[in-house]
Each structure stands twice: as structure tokens, then as C-alpha cells.
Amino acid sequence: MFVLELTYTAPVERVEEHQAAHMAWLEALYGEGVLIASGRKNPRDGGVLIAAGVDREQAEGIAASDPYTAAGVCEYRITEFAATKTAPALERYREQPSA
């Protein structure tokens, strides 16, 4: 599982110019079953996406395909983790830790 944290590198006004494309991109990822959660950070200086069922290369591809990335208004930090404990509703995403 991956946490993809994006941080704006441009003023929010520039980011908002690409928001419709970003939201459509998110919807497509939800439709593919890749994302299980996403949202803005508070304060509003970026956002967070939680991706499941992908590998590192795919997570990097997700970040690279963000319209915000293409517009040069954000950068990503990608963190992989093993979700060894989850809420009951997320049980299907539980993972075994690597040896």
C-alpha cells in the first residue's frame, strides 16, 4: 500500500486552474480500484492519496500522471507501508509484513 503525498509548488490560484482535470483523474483511479482514499491537507498546501494493490513502479506512474504534476504545480512524496492492521471495513487491504 502507498501513501502519495502531494505538495503544491505553486500558488493555490495556479493549482485551481487544473483542479477539474485533477478531479477527473482521481475519479478514473477510483474507477480502476486503485485509490481507497484521498483528500486535501489542512492547511491547504497539497493532498494525500492512499493507493492499494499497486507496486512502487505503478505508484510512481500514478504521481507522474497527475494533471497537477504535468502542469508543474506539485511534487509527490511516495511512502510504501504494509497495512498489517485495518478497520474492519478495510480488512481486504490487510497485508503481511515483509520478512
C-alpha atoms as a PDB file:
ATOM      1  CA  MET A   1       0.000   0.000   0.000  1.00  0.00           C
ATOM      2  CA  PHE A   2       1.214   3.521  -0.691  1.00  0.00           C
ATOM      3  CA  VAL A   3       0.686   6.989   0.707  1.00  0.00           C
ATOM      4  CA  LEU A   4       1.169   9.543  -2.049  1.00  0.00           C
ATOM      5  CA  GLU A   5       1.585  12.979  -0.511  1.00  0.00           C
ATOM      6  CA  LEU A   6       1.486  15.882  -2.895  1.00  0.00           C
ATOM      7  CA  THR A   7       2.701  19.349  -2.008  1.00  0.00           C
ATOM      8  CA  TYR A   8       1.857  22.399  -4.063  1.00  0.00           C
ATOM      9  CA  THR A   9       4.844  24.120  -5.633  1.00  0.00           C
ATOM     10  CA  ALA A  10       2.772  26.996  -6.997  1.00  0.00           C
ATOM     11  CA  PRO A  11       0.189  29.376  -5.526  1.00  0.00           C
ATOM     12  CA  VAL A  12      -3.233  27.810  -4.908  1.00  0.00           C
ATOM     13  CA  GLU A  13      -4.709  30.019  -7.635  1.00  0.00           C
ATOM     14  CA  ARG A  14      -2.490  28.283 -10.225  1.00  0.00           C
ATOM     15  CA  VAL A  15      -3.329  24.869  -8.764  1.00  0.00           C
ATOM     16  CA  GLU A  16      -7.065  25.619  -9.051  1.00  0.00           C
ATOM     17  CA  GLU A  17      -6.661  26.212 -12.800  1.00  0.00           C
ATOM     18  CA  HIS A  18      -6.020  22.450 -13.106  1.00  0.00           C
ATOM     19  CA  GLN A  19      -8.470  21.247 -10.452  1.00  0.00           C
ATOM     20  CA  ALA A  20     -11.152  19.930 -12.840  1.00  0.00           C
ATOM     21  CA  ALA A  21      -8.593  17.776 -14.669  1.00  0.00           C
ATOM     22  CA  HIS A  22      -7.151  16.583 -11.338  1.00  0.00           C
ATOM     23  CA  MET A  23     -10.603  15.609 -10.057  1.00  0.00           C
ATOM     24  CA  ALA A  24     -11.416  13.696 -13.267  1.00  0.00           C
ATOM     25  CA  TRP A  25      -8.057  11.911 -12.931  1.00  0.00           C
ATOM     26  CA  LEU A  26      -8.907  10.936  -9.330  1.00  0.00           C
ATOM     27  CA  GLU A  27     -12.313   9.613 -10.394  1.00  0.00           C
ATOM     28  CA  ALA A  28     -10.660   7.439 -13.039  1.00  0.00           C
ATOM     29  CA  LEU A  29      -8.285   5.982 -10.417  1.00  0.00           C
ATOM     30  CA  TYR A  30     -11.212   5.247  -8.097  1.00  0.00           C
ATOM     31  CA  GLY A  31     -12.968   3.588 -11.038  1.00  0.00           C
ATOM     32  CA  GLU A  32      -9.925   1.365 -11.579  1.00  0.00           C
ATOM     33  CA  GLY A  33      -9.989   0.367  -7.900  1.00  0.00           C
ATOM     34  CA  VAL A  34      -6.520   1.853  -7.306  1.00  0.00           C
ATOM     35  CA  LEU A  35      -7.399   4.509  -4.713  1.00  0.00           C
ATOM     36  CA  ILE A  36      -9.113   3.833  -1.406  1.00  0.00           C
ATOM     37  CA  ALA A  37      -8.986   7.405  -0.044  1.00  0.00           C
ATOM     38  CA  SER A  38      -7.840  10.901  -0.977  1.00  0.00           C
ATOM     39  CA  GLY A  39      -8.228  14.468   0.171  1.00  0.00           C
ATOM     40  CA  ARG A  40      -6.719  17.881   0.789  1.00  0.00           C
ATOM     41  CA  LYS A  41      -4.192  18.508   3.518  1.00  0.00           C
ATOM     42  CA  ASN A  42      -5.029  21.043   6.193  1.00  0.00           C
ATOM     43  CA  PRO A  43      -3.667  23.667   5.856  1.00  0.00           C
ATOM     44  CA  ARG A  44      -4.327  23.532   2.110  1.00  0.00           C
ATOM     45  CA  ASP A  45      -0.816  23.089   0.784  1.00  0.00           C
ATOM     46  CA  GLY A  46      -1.402  19.805  -1.022  1.00  0.00           C
ATOM     47  CA  GLY A  47      -3.170  16.494  -0.631  1.00  0.00           C
ATOM     48  CA  VAL A  48      -2.884  12.816   0.226  1.00  0.00           C
ATOM     49  CA  LEU A  49      -3.860   9.719  -1.761  1.00  0.00           C
ATOM     50  CA  ILE A  50      -3.927   6.148  -0.471  1.00  0.00           C
ATOM     51  CA  ALA A  51      -3.315   3.548  -3.195  1.00  0.00           C
ATOM     52  CA  ALA A  52      -3.710  -0.202  -2.766  1.00  0.00           C
ATOM     53  CA  GLY A  53      -2.953  -3.175  -4.981  1.00  0.00           C
ATOM     54  CA  VAL A  54      -0.124  -1.448  -6.844  1.00  0.00           C
ATOM     55  CA  ASP A  55       3.647  -1.762  -6.783  1.00  0.00           C
ATOM     56  CA  ARG A  56       6.263   1.003  -6.489  1.00  0.00           C
ATOM     57  CA  GLU A  57       6.521   1.489 -10.248  1.00  0.00           C
ATOM     58  CA  GLN A  58       2.757   1.861 -10.546  1.00  0.00           C
ATOM     59  CA  ALA A  59       2.652   4.302  -7.615  1.00  0.00           C
ATOM     60  CA  GLU A  60       5.305   6.421  -9.298  1.00  0.00           C
ATOM     61  CA  GLY A  61       3.287   6.259 -12.514  1.00  0.00           C
ATOM     62  CA  ILE A  62       0.210   7.483 -10.654  1.00  0.00           C
ATOM     63  CA  ALA A  63       2.113  10.500  -9.357  1.00  0.00           C
ATOM     64  CA  ALA A  64       3.585  11.225 -12.779  1.00  0.00           C
ATOM     65  CA  SER A  65       0.167  11.067 -14.460  1.00  0.00           C
ATOM     66  CA  ASP A  66      -1.474  13.637 -12.167  1.00  0.00           C
ATOM     67  CA  PRO A  67      -2.519  16.715 -14.171  1.00  0.00           C
ATOM     68  CA  TYR A  68      -1.047  18.785 -11.336  1.00  0.00           C
ATOM     69  CA  THR A  69       2.327  17.135 -11.985  1.00  0.00           C
ATOM     70  CA  ALA A  70       2.047  17.762 -15.729  1.00  0.00           C
ATOM     71  CA  ALA A  71       1.225  21.417 -15.028  1.00  0.00           C
ATOM     72  CA  GLY A  72       4.237  21.723 -12.725  1.00  0.00           C
ATOM     73  CA  VAL A  73       2.198  22.832  -9.708  1.00  0.00           C
ATOM     74  CA  CYS A  74       3.016  19.991  -7.296  1.00  0.00           C
ATOM     75  CA  GLU A  75       5.571  17.418  -6.306  1.00  0.00           C
ATOM     76  CA  TYR A  76       4.999  13.992  -4.770  1.00  0.00           C
ATOM     77  CA  ARG A  77       6.493  12.067  -1.874  1.00  0.00           C
ATOM     78  CA  ILE A  78       5.650   8.370  -2.023  1.00  0.00           C
ATOM     79  CA  THR A  79       5.743   6.148   1.065  1.00  0.00           C
ATOM     80  CA  GLU A  80       5.167   2.416   0.954  1.00  0.00           C
ATOM     81  CA  PHE A  81       3.797   0.635   4.007  1.00  0.00           C
ATOM     82  CA  ALA A  82       2.308  -2.728   4.926  1.00  0.00           C
ATOM     83  CA  ALA A  83      -1.216  -2.257   6.289  1.00  0.00           C
ATOM     84  CA  THR A  84      -0.986  -5.075   8.829  1.00  0.00           C
ATOM     85  CA  LYS A  85      -3.879  -3.686  10.879  1.00  0.00           C
ATOM     86  CA  THR A  86      -7.020  -2.060   9.489  1.00  0.00           C
ATOM     87  CA  ALA A  87     -10.549  -1.088  10.424  1.00  0.00           C
ATOM     88  CA  PRO A  88     -12.989  -3.940   9.736  1.00  0.00           C
ATOM     89  CA  ALA A  89     -14.296  -2.183   6.615  1.00  0.00           C
ATOM     90  CA  LEU A  90     -10.757  -2.228   5.154  1.00  0.00           C
ATOM     91  CA  GLU A  91      -9.962  -5.823   6.079  1.00  0.00           C
ATOM     92  CA  ARG A  92      -9.460  -6.862   2.449  1.00  0.00           C
ATOM     93  CA  TYR A  93      -6.466  -4.473   2.270  1.00  0.00           C
ATOM     94  CA  ARG A  94      -4.575  -6.071   5.178  1.00  0.00           C
ATOM     95  CA  GLU A  95      -1.071  -7.177   4.313  1.00  0.00           C
ATOM     96  CA  GLN A  96       1.568  -9.402   5.778  1.00  0.00           C
ATOM     97  CA  PRO A  97       4.840  -7.659   6.662  1.00  0.00           C
ATOM     98  CA  SER A  98       7.874  -8.485   4.546  1.00  0.00           C
ATOM     99  CA  ALA A  99      10.500 -10.668   6.158  1.00  0.00           C
END
